[in-house]
Amino acid sequence: ALTTFSSIRNSKKSTLNFLDRANVLKSDFDFVSSFVRALFPSLPPREASI
């Protein structure tokens, strides 16, 4: 029973790590897109399809 508990906890932790990484990637993407928009204001604003 102890091993299953630890494996469940480990999978939970890896899921949290994955979500953290996805959030970091999303904030990086937002930063890059705003940076590009500041560089090229004539570009039409991209729809938030991603």
Protein backbone atom coordinates (compact mmCIF):
# COMPACT_ATOMS: atom_id res chain seq x y z
CA ALA A 1 0.00 0.00 0.00
CA LEU A 2 2.88 2.32 0.76
CA THR A 3 4.38 1.94 -2.71
CA THR A 4 1.12 2.80 -4.45
CA PHE A 5 0.75 5.88 -2.27
CA SER A 6 4.25 7.10 -3.13
CA SER A 7 3.73 6.41 -6.83
CA ILE A 8 0.46 8.37 -6.79
CA ARG A 9 2.23 11.23 -5.05
CA ASN A 10 5.05 11.14 -7.62
CA SER A 11 2.63 11.21 -10.54
CA LYS A 12 0.81 14.13 -8.91
CA LYS A 13 4.11 15.97 -8.54
CA SER A 14 5.07 15.37 -12.17
CA THR A 15 1.67 16.64 -13.30
CA LEU A 16 2.21 19.81 -11.28
CA ASN A 17 5.66 20.22 -12.80
CA PHE A 18 4.18 19.83 -16.27
CA LEU A 19 1.53 22.46 -15.54
CA ASP A 20 4.19 24.83 -14.20
CA ARG A 21 6.22 24.35 -17.37
CA ALA A 22 3.14 24.97 -19.53
CA ASN A 23 2.43 28.19 -17.62
CA VAL A 24 6.02 29.34 -18.12
CA LEU A 25 5.81 28.56 -21.83
CA LYS A 26 2.55 30.49 -22.11
CA SER A 27 3.96 33.54 -20.33
CA ASP A 28 7.04 33.38 -22.57
CA PHE A 29 4.78 33.27 -25.62
CA ASP A 30 2.74 36.22 -24.36
CA PHE A 31 5.93 38.19 -23.75
CA VAL A 32 7.30 37.43 -27.22
CA SER A 33 4.02 38.29 -28.93
CA SER A 34 3.74 41.60 -27.07
CA PHE A 35 7.39 42.31 -27.90
CA VAL A 36 6.74 41.65 -31.60
CA ARG A 37 3.65 43.84 -31.47
CA ALA A 38 5.71 46.65 -29.93
CA LEU A 39 8.33 46.27 -32.67
CA PHE A 40 5.80 46.10 -35.50
CA PRO A 41 2.73 48.13 -34.50
CA SER A 42 1.40 47.94 -38.07
CA LEU A 43 0.81 44.22 -37.67
CA PRO A 44 -2.80 43.32 -36.94
CA PRO A 45 -3.24 41.98 -33.40
CA ARG A 46 -3.28 38.20 -33.47
CA GLU A 47 -6.42 36.50 -32.25
CA ALA A 48 -5.92 34.46 -29.08
CA SER A 49 -6.38 31.16 -30.88
CA ILE A 50 -3.51 29.45 -29.07
